[in-house]
Amino acid sequence: MEEMEGLYLVGKREDVMEAGRVFKEVNNRDVLIIYHQGEFYAMDSYCYHAAGKLQDGDIEEYDGKMCIVCPNHKYKISLARGESLYKATDPTESQPVPRWYSKGVKQRTHQVVETNGNVYVRLSGEPGWIESDFFQGEKGKVQRAKAEAAEKKKL
């Protein structure tokens, strides 16, 4: 993959827009690039929870945030920040009302840059461990293979 000052070429802008979702290996990291409602997003391509293929997930709005929904266990992950959202009630309330809550950032997101009709990804420089990092390493790749095999058995 072509690299330019930390930017990795994904493809032509028109091609990425038409595809809607593009899976690329970027510097040994599996990245999903998404074009949705006029915006480009990039994130680790396997769900932080159990390695579901996010490229197969639906995109829906939850609590005002565009999210990809993991096809395996329906985890909702914001496209912009990689924040995991869930709906719950507070049992301490006299009349509990379902609300959206955040589990925090669980999915590593990456920067998308458009230049001269091309789309590039700059990998996240965010320090520290984010849960989706696990599925990018060797142990995570073994777990991904097991998860894929389990999903195939369900079909």
N, C-alpha and C. Protein backbone atom coordinates (compact mmCIF):
# COMPACT_ATOMS: atom_id res chain seq x y z
N MET A 1 0.85 -1.18 0.00
CA MET A 1 0.00 0.00 0.00
C MET A 1 0.89 1.24 0.00
N GLU A 2 0.56 2.18 -0.84
CA GLU A 2 1.34 3.40 -0.98
C GLU A 2 1.23 4.27 0.27
N GLU A 3 2.38 4.76 0.75
CA GLU A 3 2.40 5.63 1.93
C GLU A 3 2.99 6.97 1.56
N MET A 4 2.40 8.05 2.13
CA MET A 4 2.87 9.40 1.91
C MET A 4 2.75 10.14 3.24
N GLU A 5 3.88 10.37 3.92
CA GLU A 5 3.90 11.11 5.18
C GLU A 5 2.87 10.59 6.18
N GLY A 6 2.85 9.29 6.41
CA GLY A 6 1.90 8.71 7.36
C GLY A 6 0.51 8.50 6.81
N LEU A 7 0.29 8.88 5.54
CA LEU A 7 -1.00 8.67 4.89
C LEU A 7 -0.90 7.44 3.99
N TYR A 8 -1.90 6.58 4.07
CA TYR A 8 -1.92 5.37 3.25
C TYR A 8 -3.08 5.47 2.26
N LEU A 9 -2.78 5.29 0.98
CA LEU A 9 -3.78 5.39 -0.07
C LEU A 9 -4.81 4.27 0.06
N VAL A 10 -6.08 4.67 0.08
CA VAL A 10 -7.19 3.73 0.11
C VAL A 10 -7.71 3.51 -1.30
N GLY A 11 -7.87 4.61 -2.05
CA GLY A 11 -8.38 4.52 -3.41
C GLY A 11 -8.86 5.87 -3.90
N LYS A 12 -9.42 5.85 -5.09
CA LYS A 12 -10.00 7.06 -5.68
C LYS A 12 -11.27 7.43 -4.91
N ARG A 13 -11.46 8.72 -4.71
CA ARG A 13 -12.62 9.21 -3.95
C ARG A 13 -13.93 8.65 -4.50
N GLU A 14 -14.12 8.73 -5.81
CA GLU A 14 -15.36 8.26 -6.44
C GLU A 14 -15.57 6.77 -6.19
N ASP A 15 -14.50 5.98 -6.26
CA ASP A 15 -14.61 4.52 -6.05
C ASP A 15 -15.01 4.20 -4.62
N VAL A 16 -14.42 4.91 -3.66
CA VAL A 16 -14.74 4.67 -2.25
C VAL A 16 -16.18 5.11 -1.97
N MET A 17 -16.58 6.25 -2.54
CA MET A 17 -17.94 6.73 -2.35
C MET A 17 -18.94 5.73 -2.92
N GLU A 18 -18.66 5.21 -4.10
CA GLU A 18 -19.57 4.26 -4.75
C GLU A 18 -19.66 2.96 -3.96
N ALA A 19 -18.53 2.47 -3.46
CA ALA A 19 -18.51 1.22 -2.71
C ALA A 19 -19.21 1.37 -1.35
N GLY A 20 -19.08 2.55 -0.74
CA GLY A 20 -19.68 2.78 0.57
C GLY A 20 -18.81 2.26 1.71
N ARG A 21 -18.21 1.09 1.51
CA ARG A 21 -17.32 0.49 2.51
C ARG A 21 -16.16 -0.20 1.81
N VAL A 22 -14.97 0.05 2.32
CA VAL A 22 -13.77 -0.55 1.74
C VAL A 22 -12.92 -1.12 2.87
N PHE A 23 -12.54 -2.36 2.73
CA PHE A 23 -11.65 -3.02 3.69
C PHE A 23 -10.23 -2.95 3.15
N LYS A 24 -9.29 -2.48 3.97
CA LYS A 24 -7.89 -2.40 3.56
C LYS A 24 -6.99 -2.82 4.71
N GLU A 25 -5.88 -3.45 4.35
CA GLU A 25 -4.83 -3.68 5.33
C GLU A 25 -3.90 -2.47 5.23
N VAL A 26 -3.76 -1.76 6.33
CA VAL A 26 -2.96 -0.54 6.37
C VAL A 26 -1.84 -0.74 7.38
N ASN A 27 -0.63 -0.88 6.88
CA ASN A 27 0.54 -1.06 7.76
C ASN A 27 0.28 -2.17 8.78
N ASN A 28 -0.16 -3.33 8.28
CA ASN A 28 -0.46 -4.53 9.08
C ASN A 28 -1.66 -4.38 10.01
N ARG A 29 -2.52 -3.43 9.75
CA ARG A 29 -3.73 -3.24 10.55
C ARG A 29 -4.93 -3.33 9.61
N ASP A 30 -5.96 -4.08 10.00
CA ASP A 30 -7.17 -4.22 9.19
C ASP A 30 -8.11 -3.06 9.48
N VAL A 31 -8.37 -2.27 8.44
CA VAL A 31 -9.13 -1.03 8.61
C VAL A 31 -10.34 -1.05 7.67
N LEU A 32 -11.46 -0.57 8.19
CA LEU A 32 -12.67 -0.41 7.42
C LEU A 32 -12.87 1.08 7.16
N ILE A 33 -12.98 1.45 5.88
CA ILE A 33 -13.23 2.84 5.50
C ILE A 33 -14.69 2.89 5.06
N ILE A 34 -15.43 3.83 5.61
CA ILE A 34 -16.87 3.94 5.36
C ILE A 34 -17.18 5.32 4.79
N TYR A 35 -18.02 5.35 3.77
CA TYR A 35 -18.56 6.61 3.27
C TYR A 35 -20.05 6.56 3.53
N HIS A 36 -20.53 7.51 4.36
CA HIS A 36 -21.95 7.51 4.72
C HIS A 36 -22.43 8.95 4.87
N GLN A 37 -23.51 9.26 4.18
CA GLN A 37 -24.15 10.58 4.23
C GLN A 37 -23.14 11.72 4.06
N GLY A 38 -22.27 11.59 3.06
CA GLY A 38 -21.34 12.65 2.70
C GLY A 38 -20.09 12.72 3.55
N GLU A 39 -19.88 11.77 4.46
CA GLU A 39 -18.71 11.77 5.34
C GLU A 39 -17.92 10.48 5.18
N PHE A 40 -16.60 10.60 5.34
CA PHE A 40 -15.73 9.43 5.38
C PHE A 40 -15.35 9.14 6.83
N TYR A 41 -15.30 7.85 7.16
CA TYR A 41 -14.89 7.39 8.48
C TYR A 41 -13.94 6.21 8.29
N ALA A 42 -13.10 5.97 9.28
CA ALA A 42 -12.23 4.79 9.26
C ALA A 42 -12.10 4.26 10.69
N MET A 43 -12.14 2.94 10.80
CA MET A 43 -12.00 2.30 12.11
C MET A 43 -11.44 0.89 11.93
N ASP A 44 -10.97 0.31 13.03
CA ASP A 44 -10.56 -1.08 12.98
C ASP A 44 -11.75 -1.89 12.47
N SER A 45 -11.48 -2.87 11.63
CA SER A 45 -12.57 -3.53 10.92
C SER A 45 -13.27 -4.64 11.68
N TYR A 46 -12.72 -5.07 12.82
CA TYR A 46 -13.34 -6.14 13.61
C TYR A 46 -13.86 -5.57 14.92
N CYS A 47 -15.09 -5.90 15.27
CA CYS A 47 -15.71 -5.39 16.48
C CYS A 47 -14.88 -5.74 17.71
N TYR A 48 -14.76 -4.79 18.59
CA TYR A 48 -13.97 -4.94 19.81
C TYR A 48 -14.49 -6.07 20.71
N HIS A 49 -15.76 -6.40 20.62
CA HIS A 49 -16.37 -7.36 21.54
C HIS A 49 -16.00 -8.80 21.22
N ALA A 50 -16.21 -9.22 19.98
CA ALA A 50 -15.96 -10.62 19.64
C ALA A 50 -15.57 -10.80 18.18
N ALA A 51 -14.95 -9.79 17.60
CA ALA A 51 -14.37 -9.87 16.25
C ALA A 51 -15.39 -9.97 15.13
N GLY A 52 -16.61 -9.49 15.34
CA GLY A 52 -17.57 -9.46 14.23
C GLY A 52 -17.06 -8.57 13.11
N LYS A 53 -17.37 -8.93 11.88
CA LYS A 53 -16.94 -8.14 10.72
C LYS A 53 -17.85 -6.92 10.58
N LEU A 54 -17.33 -5.77 10.96
CA LEU A 54 -18.14 -4.55 10.92
C LEU A 54 -18.54 -4.17 9.51
N GLN A 55 -17.80 -4.60 8.52
CA GLN A 55 -18.15 -4.27 7.13
C GLN A 55 -19.53 -4.82 6.76
N ASP A 56 -20.02 -5.81 7.52
CA ASP A 56 -21.34 -6.39 7.25
C ASP A 56 -22.44 -5.77 8.12
N GLY A 57 -22.09 -4.80 8.96
CA GLY A 57 -23.06 -4.20 9.88
C GLY A 57 -23.88 -3.10 9.25
N ASP A 58 -25.06 -2.90 9.78
CA ASP A 58 -25.93 -1.80 9.35
C ASP A 58 -25.45 -0.50 9.99
N ILE A 59 -25.75 0.61 9.35
CA ILE A 59 -25.45 1.92 9.91
C ILE A 59 -26.77 2.57 10.27
N GLU A 60 -26.87 2.96 11.56
CA GLU A 60 -28.10 3.55 12.07
C GLU A 60 -27.74 4.68 13.04
N GLU A 61 -28.72 5.55 13.30
CA GLU A 61 -28.50 6.64 14.24
C GLU A 61 -29.05 6.27 15.61
N TYR A 62 -28.22 6.46 16.64
CA TYR A 62 -28.62 6.22 18.02
C TYR A 62 -28.17 7.42 18.84
N ASP A 63 -29.09 8.00 19.59
CA ASP A 63 -28.79 9.13 20.47
C ASP A 63 -28.07 10.25 19.72
N GLY A 64 -28.47 10.48 18.46
CA GLY A 64 -27.89 11.55 17.67
C GLY A 64 -26.53 11.23 17.07
N LYS A 65 -26.09 9.97 17.18
CA LYS A 65 -24.77 9.58 16.66
C LYS A 65 -24.94 8.48 15.62
N MET A 66 -24.22 8.66 14.49
CA MET A 66 -24.23 7.62 13.47
C MET A 66 -23.36 6.47 13.96
N CYS A 67 -23.94 5.26 13.94
CA CYS A 67 -23.26 4.09 14.48
C CYS A 67 -23.29 2.94 13.48
N ILE A 68 -22.27 2.11 13.55
CA ILE A 68 -22.30 0.84 12.84
C ILE A 68 -22.71 -0.21 13.87
N VAL A 69 -23.58 -1.11 13.46
CA VAL A 69 -24.11 -2.14 14.36
C VAL A 69 -23.43 -3.46 14.00
N CYS A 70 -22.71 -4.02 14.97
CA CYS A 70 -22.02 -5.28 14.71
C CYS A 70 -23.05 -6.35 14.34
N PRO A 71 -22.84 -7.06 13.24
CA PRO A 71 -23.81 -8.05 12.80
C PRO A 71 -23.90 -9.27 13.73
N ASN A 72 -22.88 -9.51 14.54
CA ASN A 72 -22.90 -10.69 15.40
C ASN A 72 -23.72 -10.51 16.67
N HIS A 73 -23.45 -9.45 17.43
CA HIS A 73 -24.10 -9.29 18.72
C HIS A 73 -24.80 -7.94 18.88
N LYS A 74 -24.92 -7.20 17.79
CA LYS A 74 -25.66 -5.93 17.75
C LYS A 74 -25.06 -4.82 18.60
N TYR A 75 -23.78 -4.87 18.86
CA TYR A 75 -23.12 -3.76 19.56
C TYR A 75 -23.14 -2.54 18.65
N LYS A 76 -23.40 -1.37 19.24
CA LYS A 76 -23.51 -0.13 18.49
C LYS A 76 -22.25 0.70 18.73
N ILE A 77 -21.57 1.05 17.65
CA ILE A 77 -20.28 1.74 17.73
C ILE A 77 -20.36 3.01 16.89
N SER A 78 -20.09 4.16 17.53
CA SER A 78 -20.18 5.42 16.79
C SER A 78 -19.08 5.48 15.73
N LEU A 79 -19.46 5.95 14.55
CA LEU A 79 -18.52 6.05 13.43
C LEU A 79 -17.44 7.08 13.71
N ALA A 80 -17.81 8.17 14.34
CA ALA A 80 -16.88 9.28 14.52
C ALA A 80 -15.80 9.00 15.57
N ARG A 81 -16.17 8.37 16.68
CA ARG A 81 -15.22 8.23 17.79
C ARG A 81 -14.92 6.79 18.20
N GLY A 82 -15.72 5.82 17.74
CA GLY A 82 -15.52 4.45 18.17
C GLY A 82 -16.10 4.18 19.55
N GLU A 83 -17.02 5.04 19.96
CA GLU A 83 -17.66 4.93 21.26
C GLU A 83 -18.76 3.86 21.20
N SER A 84 -18.82 3.00 22.21
CA SER A 84 -19.85 1.97 22.27
C SER A 84 -21.05 2.50 23.05
N LEU A 85 -22.24 2.36 22.46
CA LEU A 85 -23.47 2.85 23.07
C LEU A 85 -24.40 1.70 23.43
N TYR A 86 -25.14 1.87 24.50
CA TYR A 86 -26.14 0.88 24.88
C TYR A 86 -27.33 1.59 25.53
N LYS A 87 -28.48 0.94 25.47
CA LYS A 87 -29.69 1.52 26.05
C LYS A 87 -30.04 0.74 27.31
N ALA A 88 -30.34 1.48 28.37
CA ALA A 88 -30.67 0.84 29.65
C ALA A 88 -31.52 1.78 30.48
N THR A 89 -32.02 1.25 31.57
CA THR A 89 -32.76 2.06 32.53
C THR A 89 -31.97 2.10 33.84
N ASP A 90 -32.21 3.15 34.59
CA ASP A 90 -31.59 3.30 35.91
C ASP A 90 -32.58 2.77 36.94
N PRO A 91 -32.29 1.62 37.55
CA PRO A 91 -33.25 1.02 38.48
C PRO A 91 -33.47 1.83 39.75
N THR A 92 -32.62 2.82 40.00
CA THR A 92 -32.80 3.64 41.19
C THR A 92 -33.85 4.73 40.98
N GLU A 93 -34.25 4.96 39.74
CA GLU A 93 -35.29 5.95 39.45
C GLU A 93 -36.65 5.39 39.81
N SER A 94 -37.55 6.25 40.31
CA SER A 94 -38.88 5.77 40.69
C SER A 94 -39.66 5.27 39.48
N GLN A 95 -39.48 5.93 38.35
CA GLN A 95 -40.09 5.46 37.10
C GLN A 95 -38.99 5.40 36.05
N PRO A 96 -38.28 4.25 36.00
CA PRO A 96 -37.15 4.14 35.06
C PRO A 96 -37.56 4.38 33.61
N VAL A 97 -36.75 5.17 32.94
CA VAL A 97 -36.96 5.49 31.53
C VAL A 97 -35.72 5.02 30.76
N PRO A 98 -35.90 4.26 29.68
CA PRO A 98 -34.72 3.83 28.91
C PRO A 98 -33.96 5.03 28.34
N ARG A 99 -32.64 5.01 28.48
CA ARG A 99 -31.77 6.08 27.98
C ARG A 99 -30.55 5.43 27.33
N TRP A 100 -29.89 6.23 26.48
CA TRP A 100 -28.64 5.78 25.87
C TRP A 100 -27.47 6.15 26.78
N TYR A 101 -26.57 5.22 26.94
CA TYR A 101 -25.36 5.41 27.75
C TYR A 101 -24.14 5.04 26.92
N SER A 102 -23.00 5.54 27.34
CA SER A 102 -21.74 5.25 26.65
C SER A 102 -20.88 4.33 27.51
N LYS A 103 -20.26 3.37 26.85
CA LYS A 103 -19.25 2.53 27.51
C LYS A 103 -17.87 3.15 27.33
N GLY A 104 -17.80 4.25 26.60
CA GLY A 104 -16.53 4.88 26.27
C GLY A 104 -16.02 4.39 24.92
N VAL A 105 -14.85 4.85 24.56
CA VAL A 105 -14.26 4.46 23.27
C VAL A 105 -13.75 3.03 23.38
N LYS A 106 -14.27 2.18 22.51
CA LYS A 106 -13.89 0.77 22.50
C LYS A 106 -13.29 0.34 21.16
N GLN A 107 -13.60 1.10 20.10
CA GLN A 107 -13.16 0.78 18.75
C GLN A 107 -12.20 1.87 18.28
N ARG A 108 -11.00 1.50 17.87
CA ARG A 108 -10.03 2.49 17.43
C ARG A 108 -10.47 3.06 16.08
N THR A 109 -10.51 4.40 16.01
CA THR A 109 -10.84 5.08 14.75
C THR A 109 -9.57 5.71 14.19
N HIS A 110 -9.59 5.97 12.90
CA HIS A 110 -8.44 6.52 12.19
C HIS A 110 -8.88 7.72 11.37
N GLN A 111 -7.95 8.56 11.02
CA GLN A 111 -8.25 9.79 10.27
C GLN A 111 -8.33 9.48 8.77
N VAL A 112 -9.32 10.06 8.12
CA VAL A 112 -9.45 9.96 6.66
C VAL A 112 -9.13 11.33 6.08
N VAL A 113 -8.29 11.32 5.04
CA VAL A 113 -7.87 12.56 4.38
C VAL A 113 -8.15 12.43 2.89
N GLU A 114 -8.77 13.46 2.32
CA GLU A 114 -9.00 13.50 0.88
C GLU A 114 -8.02 14.50 0.26
N THR A 115 -7.29 14.06 -0.76
CA THR A 115 -6.35 14.92 -1.46
C THR A 115 -6.33 14.56 -2.95
N ASN A 116 -6.51 15.56 -3.79
CA ASN A 116 -6.41 15.38 -5.24
C ASN A 116 -7.24 14.21 -5.76
N GLY A 117 -8.45 14.07 -5.26
CA GLY A 117 -9.35 13.02 -5.74
C GLY A 117 -9.06 11.64 -5.17
N ASN A 118 -8.12 11.55 -4.23
CA ASN A 118 -7.80 10.27 -3.59
C ASN A 118 -8.21 10.30 -2.12
N VAL A 119 -8.44 9.11 -1.57
CA VAL A 119 -8.77 8.97 -0.15
C VAL A 119 -7.60 8.24 0.52
N TYR A 120 -7.15 8.82 1.64
CA TYR A 120 -6.04 8.25 2.41
C TYR A 120 -6.48 8.02 3.85
N VAL A 121 -5.78 7.11 4.52
CA VAL A 121 -6.00 6.89 5.95
C VAL A 121 -4.70 7.16 6.68
N ARG A 122 -4.82 7.86 7.80
CA ARG A 122 -3.70 8.04 8.73
C ARG A 122 -4.08 7.25 9.98
N LEU A 123 -3.26 6.26 10.33
CA LEU A 123 -3.58 5.43 11.48
C LEU A 123 -3.56 6.25 12.76
N SER A 124 -4.41 5.87 13.68
CA SER A 124 -4.55 6.55 14.95
C SER A 124 -3.23 6.57 15.71
N GLY A 125 -2.93 7.72 16.28
CA GLY A 125 -1.77 7.85 17.14
C GLY A 125 -2.19 7.92 18.60
N GLU A 126 -3.48 7.64 18.83
CA GLU A 126 -4.03 7.69 20.19
C GLU A 126 -3.26 6.72 21.09
N PRO A 127 -2.67 7.23 22.17
CA PRO A 127 -1.89 6.36 23.05
C PRO A 127 -2.80 5.44 23.87
N GLY A 128 -2.22 4.39 24.37
CA GLY A 128 -2.95 3.49 25.25
C GLY A 128 -3.70 2.42 24.49
N TRP A 129 -4.23 1.50 25.26
CA TRP A 129 -4.94 0.35 24.74
C TRP A 129 -6.40 0.68 24.52
N ILE A 130 -6.91 0.31 23.35
CA ILE A 130 -8.33 0.39 23.05
C ILE A 130 -8.74 -1.05 22.70
N GLU A 131 -9.90 -1.48 23.17
CA GLU A 131 -10.28 -2.88 23.08
C GLU A 131 -10.14 -3.49 21.68
N SER A 132 -10.43 -2.74 20.63
CA SER A 132 -10.33 -3.31 19.28
C SER A 132 -8.89 -3.63 18.90
N ASP A 133 -7.90 -3.10 19.64
CA ASP A 133 -6.49 -3.41 19.37
C ASP A 133 -6.22 -4.91 19.48
N PHE A 134 -6.93 -5.59 20.39
CA PHE A 134 -6.70 -7.02 20.60
C PHE A 134 -6.79 -7.81 19.31
N PHE A 135 -7.81 -7.52 18.49
CA PHE A 135 -8.04 -8.30 17.28
C PHE A 135 -7.10 -7.94 16.14
N GLN A 136 -6.16 -7.04 16.38
CA GLN A 136 -5.13 -6.71 15.39
C GLN A 136 -3.83 -7.47 15.66
N GLY A 137 -3.68 -8.03 16.85
CA GLY A 137 -2.48 -8.78 17.21
C GLY A 137 -2.59 -10.25 16.87
N GLU A 138 -1.53 -10.99 17.14
CA GLU A 138 -1.49 -12.42 16.80
C GLU A 138 -2.54 -13.23 17.55
N LYS A 139 -2.68 -13.01 18.87
CA LYS A 139 -3.69 -13.74 19.63
C LYS A 139 -5.09 -13.39 19.14
N GLY A 140 -5.28 -12.14 18.81
CA GLY A 140 -6.57 -11.70 18.30
C GLY A 140 -6.90 -12.32 16.95
N LYS A 141 -5.90 -12.52 16.11
CA LYS A 141 -6.13 -13.15 14.81
C LYS A 141 -6.59 -14.59 14.98
N VAL A 142 -6.05 -15.28 15.99
CA VAL A 142 -6.49 -16.64 16.29
C VAL A 142 -7.95 -16.61 16.74
N GLN A 143 -8.29 -15.66 17.62
CA GLN A 143 -9.67 -15.52 18.09
C GLN A 143 -10.61 -15.17 16.94
N ARG A 144 -10.15 -14.32 16.02
CA ARG A 144 -10.97 -13.97 14.85
C ARG A 144 -11.30 -15.20 14.03
N ALA A 145 -10.30 -16.04 13.81
CA ALA A 145 -10.51 -17.27 13.03
C ALA A 145 -11.54 -18.17 13.72
N LYS A 146 -11.45 -18.28 15.05
CA LYS A 146 -12.42 -19.09 15.80
C LYS A 146 -13.82 -18.49 15.68
N ALA A 147 -13.92 -17.18 15.78
CA ALA A 147 -15.21 -16.50 15.68
C ALA A 147 -15.82 -16.70 14.30
N GLU A 148 -15.00 -16.60 13.26
CA GLU A 148 -15.50 -16.81 11.89
C GLU A 148 -16.00 -18.24 11.71
N ALA A 149 -15.25 -19.20 12.25
CA ALA A 149 -15.65 -20.61 12.14
C ALA A 149 -16.98 -20.84 12.87
N ALA A 150 -17.15 -20.23 14.02
CA ALA A 150 -18.39 -20.37 14.79
C ALA A 150 -19.57 -19.76 14.02
N GLU A 151 -19.35 -18.62 13.38
CA GLU A 151 -20.42 -17.98 12.60
C GLU A 151 -20.80 -18.83 11.40
N LYS A 152 -19.82 -19.47 10.77
CA LYS A 152 -20.11 -20.33 9.62
C LYS A 152 -20.95 -21.54 10.03
N LYS A 153 -20.68 -22.05 11.23
CA LYS A 153 -21.47 -23.20 11.72
C LYS A 153 -22.94 -22.83 11.91
N LYS A 154 -23.19 -21.58 12.28
CA LYS A 154 -24.58 -21.12 12.48
C LYS A 154 -25.36 -21.09 11.17
N LEU A 155 -24.64 -20.89 10.07
CA LEU A 155 -25.32 -20.78 8.76
C LEU A 155 -25.68 -22.13 8.30
